[in-house]
Amino acid sequence: MPSQIRLQRIADRIRRELSEMLIYELNDPRLRQIYITDVNVDRELAYANIYVSAVEGSSRAKEVLSGLESASGFIRRTLAGRVDLRSFPRLRFHWDPTPEQADHIEEVLASIREKDAKRAENPEDTEE
């Protein structure tokens, strides 16, 4: 079995190559303005879990995942030619809500900072 470092290198290479494919080679309109957030390869190199997100957010999740599933054969063949492995892992695509959650957290923190700034400007308005 490959070491954890080797698994990470393989996952990074898959991520890099797939990102380039999304930009230069895949012409499916469903796959526009998406990005790979993470790739995990299991210890047996049987599966590669690929996490994706879109600039527009989760409103395109089904559309993006169906586009990736329909192109998965082409993607896997192309990646197998670029990443030197005895047998290339099967690709499983997943939607990653993390970027949207991070945006929401940033909005909440910004509103808290704004309220704190208003309190600092008007200290007599605060209750003690």
C-alpha atoms as a PDB file:
ATOM      1  CA  MET A   1       0.000   0.000   0.000  1.00  0.00           C
ATOM      2  CA  PRO A   2       1.232   3.490  -0.775  1.00  0.00           C
ATOM      3  CA  SER A   3       2.285   5.793   2.034  1.00  0.00           C
ATOM      4  CA  GLN A   4       0.160   8.731   3.094  1.00  0.00           C
ATOM      5  CA  ILE A   5       2.625  11.105   1.433  1.00  0.00           C
ATOM      6  CA  ARG A   6       2.352   9.256  -1.887  1.00  0.00           C
ATOM      7  CA  LEU A   7      -1.449   9.259  -1.675  1.00  0.00           C
ATOM      8  CA  GLN A   8      -1.369  13.012  -1.135  1.00  0.00           C
ATOM      9  CA  ARG A   9       0.968  13.497  -4.105  1.00  0.00           C
ATOM     10  CA  ILE A  10      -1.347  11.441  -6.323  1.00  0.00           C
ATOM     11  CA  ALA A  11      -4.382  13.427  -5.135  1.00  0.00           C
ATOM     12  CA  ASP A  12      -2.571  16.729  -5.767  1.00  0.00           C
ATOM     13  CA  ARG A  13      -1.574  15.627  -9.261  1.00  0.00           C
ATOM     14  CA  ILE A  14      -5.140  14.554 -10.077  1.00  0.00           C
ATOM     15  CA  ARG A  15      -6.412  17.894  -8.800  1.00  0.00           C
ATOM     16  CA  ARG A  16      -3.898  19.872 -10.855  1.00  0.00           C
ATOM     17  CA  GLU A  17      -4.510  17.908 -14.068  1.00  0.00           C
ATOM     18  CA  LEU A  18      -8.292  17.976 -13.674  1.00  0.00           C
ATOM     19  CA  SER A  19      -8.242  21.726 -13.041  1.00  0.00           C
ATOM     20  CA  GLU A  20      -6.341  22.227 -16.294  1.00  0.00           C
ATOM     21  CA  MET A  21      -8.790  19.953 -18.119  1.00  0.00           C
ATOM     22  CA  LEU A  22     -11.721  22.018 -16.852  1.00  0.00           C
ATOM     23  CA  ILE A  23     -10.120  25.178 -18.218  1.00  0.00           C
ATOM     24  CA  TYR A  24      -8.702  24.002 -21.539  1.00  0.00           C
ATOM     25  CA  GLU A  25     -10.275  20.715 -22.637  1.00  0.00           C
ATOM     26  CA  LEU A  26     -13.827  20.242 -21.384  1.00  0.00           C
ATOM     27  CA  ASN A  27     -16.299  22.265 -23.437  1.00  0.00           C
ATOM     28  CA  ASP A  28     -19.468  21.264 -21.610  1.00  0.00           C
ATOM     29  CA  PRO A  29     -21.364  24.459 -20.643  1.00  0.00           C
ATOM     30  CA  ARG A  30     -22.439  22.778 -17.392  1.00  0.00           C
ATOM     31  CA  LEU A  31     -18.792  22.749 -16.320  1.00  0.00           C
ATOM     32  CA  ARG A  32     -18.107  26.474 -16.682  1.00  0.00           C
ATOM     33  CA  GLN A  33     -16.918  28.448 -13.654  1.00  0.00           C
ATOM     34  CA  ILE A  34     -16.402  25.463 -11.376  1.00  0.00           C
ATOM     35  CA  TYR A  35     -13.351  24.593  -9.366  1.00  0.00           C
ATOM     36  CA  ILE A  36     -11.922  21.600  -7.581  1.00  0.00           C
ATOM     37  CA  THR A  37     -11.838  22.138  -3.822  1.00  0.00           C
ATOM     38  CA  ASP A  38     -10.298  18.826  -2.778  1.00  0.00           C
ATOM     39  CA  VAL A  39      -9.285  15.367  -3.987  1.00  0.00           C
ATOM     40  CA  ASN A  40      -8.928  12.332  -1.721  1.00  0.00           C
ATOM     41  CA  VAL A  41      -7.591   8.976  -2.890  1.00  0.00           C
ATOM     42  CA  ASP A  42      -8.265   5.845  -0.836  1.00  0.00           C
ATOM     43  CA  ARG A  43      -5.400   3.601   0.312  1.00  0.00           C
ATOM     44  CA  GLU A  44      -6.096   0.919  -2.309  1.00  0.00           C
ATOM     45  CA  LEU A  45      -6.120   3.510  -5.126  1.00  0.00           C
ATOM     46  CA  ALA A  46      -9.557   2.223  -6.104  1.00  0.00           C
ATOM     47  CA  TYR A  47     -11.454   5.514  -5.776  1.00  0.00           C
ATOM     48  CA  ALA A  48     -10.686   9.193  -6.032  1.00  0.00           C
ATOM     49  CA  ASN A  49     -13.259  11.387  -4.310  1.00  0.00           C
ATOM     50  CA  ILE A  50     -13.310  14.746  -6.048  1.00  0.00           C
ATOM     51  CA  TYR A  51     -15.012  17.695  -4.358  1.00  0.00           C
ATOM     52  CA  VAL A  52     -16.201  20.555  -6.556  1.00  0.00           C
ATOM     53  CA  SER A  53     -17.919  23.888  -6.145  1.00  0.00           C
ATOM     54  CA  ALA A  54     -19.161  26.603  -8.488  1.00  0.00           C
ATOM     55  CA  VAL A  55     -18.722  30.334  -8.466  1.00  0.00           C
ATOM     56  CA  GLU A  56     -22.526  30.770  -8.503  1.00  0.00           C
ATOM     57  CA  GLY A  57     -23.005  28.503  -5.487  1.00  0.00           C
ATOM     58  CA  SER A  58     -25.141  25.475  -4.753  1.00  0.00           C
ATOM     59  CA  SER A  59     -27.880  26.491  -7.191  1.00  0.00           C
ATOM     60  CA  ARG A  60     -25.839  24.711  -9.883  1.00  0.00           C
ATOM     61  CA  ALA A  61     -24.933  21.612  -7.853  1.00  0.00           C
ATOM     62  CA  LYS A  62     -27.097  19.111  -9.772  1.00  0.00           C
ATOM     63  CA  GLU A  63     -26.150  20.593 -13.131  1.00  0.00           C
ATOM     64  CA  VAL A  64     -22.416  20.497 -12.375  1.00  0.00           C
ATOM     65  CA  LEU A  65     -22.471  16.970 -10.938  1.00  0.00           C
ATOM     66  CA  SER A  66     -24.448  15.621 -13.907  1.00  0.00           C
ATOM     67  CA  GLY A  67     -21.970  17.263 -16.292  1.00  0.00           C
ATOM     68  CA  LEU A  68     -19.045  15.700 -14.466  1.00  0.00           C
ATOM     69  CA  GLU A  69     -20.701  12.278 -14.389  1.00  0.00           C
ATOM     70  CA  SER A  70     -21.383  12.381 -18.113  1.00  0.00           C
ATOM     71  CA  ALA A  71     -17.757  13.347 -18.803  1.00  0.00           C
ATOM     72  CA  SER A  72     -16.251  10.998 -16.201  1.00  0.00           C
ATOM     73  CA  GLY A  73     -15.174   8.364 -18.745  1.00  0.00           C
ATOM     74  CA  PHE A  74     -13.284  10.922 -20.822  1.00  0.00           C
ATOM     75  CA  ILE A  75     -11.839  12.541 -17.693  1.00  0.00           C
ATOM     76  CA  ARG A  76     -10.659   9.212 -16.283  1.00  0.00           C
ATOM     77  CA  ARG A  77      -9.046   8.108 -19.572  1.00  0.00           C
ATOM     78  CA  THR A  78      -7.271  11.431 -19.984  1.00  0.00           C
ATOM     79  CA  LEU A  79      -6.063  11.518 -16.381  1.00  0.00           C
ATOM     80  CA  ALA A  80      -4.862   7.903 -16.629  1.00  0.00           C
ATOM     81  CA  GLY A  81      -2.643   8.950 -19.528  1.00  0.00           C
ATOM     82  CA  ARG A  82      -1.165  11.832 -17.542  1.00  0.00           C
ATOM     83  CA  VAL A  83      -0.802  10.326 -14.064  1.00  0.00           C
ATOM     84  CA  ASP A  84       1.424   7.270 -14.094  1.00  0.00           C
ATOM     85  CA  LEU A  85      -0.384   4.575 -12.069  1.00  0.00           C
ATOM     86  CA  ARG A  86      -0.755   0.859 -12.664  1.00  0.00           C
ATOM     87  CA  SER A  87      -4.537   1.141 -12.458  1.00  0.00           C
ATOM     88  CA  PHE A  88      -6.249   4.487 -12.275  1.00  0.00           C
ATOM     89  CA  PRO A  89      -8.854   5.034  -9.531  1.00  0.00           C
ATOM     90  CA  ARG A  90     -12.532   5.410 -10.353  1.00  0.00           C
ATOM     91  CA  LEU A  91     -13.722   8.979 -10.027  1.00  0.00           C
ATOM     92  CA  ARG A  92     -16.509   9.949  -7.642  1.00  0.00           C
ATOM     93  CA  PHE A  93     -17.684  13.549  -7.745  1.00  0.00           C
ATOM     94  CA  HIS A  94     -19.174  15.309  -4.717  1.00  0.00           C
ATOM     95  CA  TRP A  95     -20.533  18.799  -4.156  1.00  0.00           C
ATOM     96  CA  ASP A  96     -18.526  20.783  -1.590  1.00  0.00           C
ATOM     97  CA  PRO A  97     -20.615  23.333   0.359  1.00  0.00           C
ATOM     98  CA  THR A  98     -17.577  24.644   2.264  1.00  0.00           C
ATOM     99  CA  PRO A  99     -17.007  27.817   0.169  1.00  0.00           C
ATOM    100  CA  GLU A 100     -20.642  28.875   0.637  1.00  0.00           C
ATOM    101  CA  GLN A 101     -20.479  28.175   4.361  1.00  0.00           C
ATOM    102  CA  ALA A 102     -17.283  30.232   4.595  1.00  0.00           C
ATOM    103  CA  ASP A 103     -19.016  33.131   2.815  1.00  0.00           C
ATOM    104  CA  HIS A 104     -21.915  32.941   5.258  1.00  0.00           C
ATOM    105  CA  ILE A 105     -19.547  32.952   8.235  1.00  0.00           C
ATOM    106  CA  GLU A 106     -17.727  35.979   6.783  1.00  0.00           C
ATOM    107  CA  GLU A 107     -21.055  37.821   6.459  1.00  0.00           C
ATOM    108  CA  VAL A 108     -21.947  37.057  10.081  1.00  0.00           C
ATOM    109  CA  LEU A 109     -18.523  38.200  11.290  1.00  0.00           C
ATOM    110  CA  ALA A 110     -18.770  41.392   9.227  1.00  0.00           C
ATOM    111  CA  SER A 111     -22.144  42.238  10.769  1.00  0.00           C
ATOM    112  CA  ILE A 112     -20.743  41.623  14.267  1.00  0.00           C
ATOM    113  CA  ARG A 113     -17.765  43.890  13.527  1.00  0.00           C
ATOM    114  CA  GLU A 114     -20.131  46.548  12.216  1.00  0.00           C
ATOM    115  CA  LYS A 115     -22.258  46.415  15.384  1.00  0.00           C
ATOM    116  CA  ASP A 116     -19.129  46.586  17.554  1.00  0.00           C
ATOM    117  CA  ALA A 117     -17.884  49.614  15.621  1.00  0.00           C
ATOM    118  CA  LYS A 118     -21.231  51.385  16.123  1.00  0.00           C
ATOM    119  CA  ARG A 119     -21.124  50.614  19.857  1.00  0.00           C
ATOM    120  CA  ALA A 120     -17.593  51.989  20.092  1.00  0.00           C
ATOM    121  CA  GLU A 121     -18.714  55.228  18.405  1.00  0.00           C
ATOM    122  CA  ASN A 122     -21.738  55.641  20.700  1.00  0.00           C
ATOM    123  CA  PRO A 123     -20.773  54.262  24.132  1.00  0.00           C
ATOM    124  CA  GLU A 124     -23.784  55.919  25.856  1.00  0.00           C
ATOM    125  CA  ASP A 125     -26.182  53.718  23.838  1.00  0.00           C
ATOM    126  CA  THR A 126     -24.858  50.491  25.361  1.00  0.00           C
ATOM    127  CA  GLU A 127     -26.429  49.036  28.469  1.00  0.00           C
ATOM    128  CA  GLU A 128     -24.242  48.356  31.463  1.00  0.00           C
END
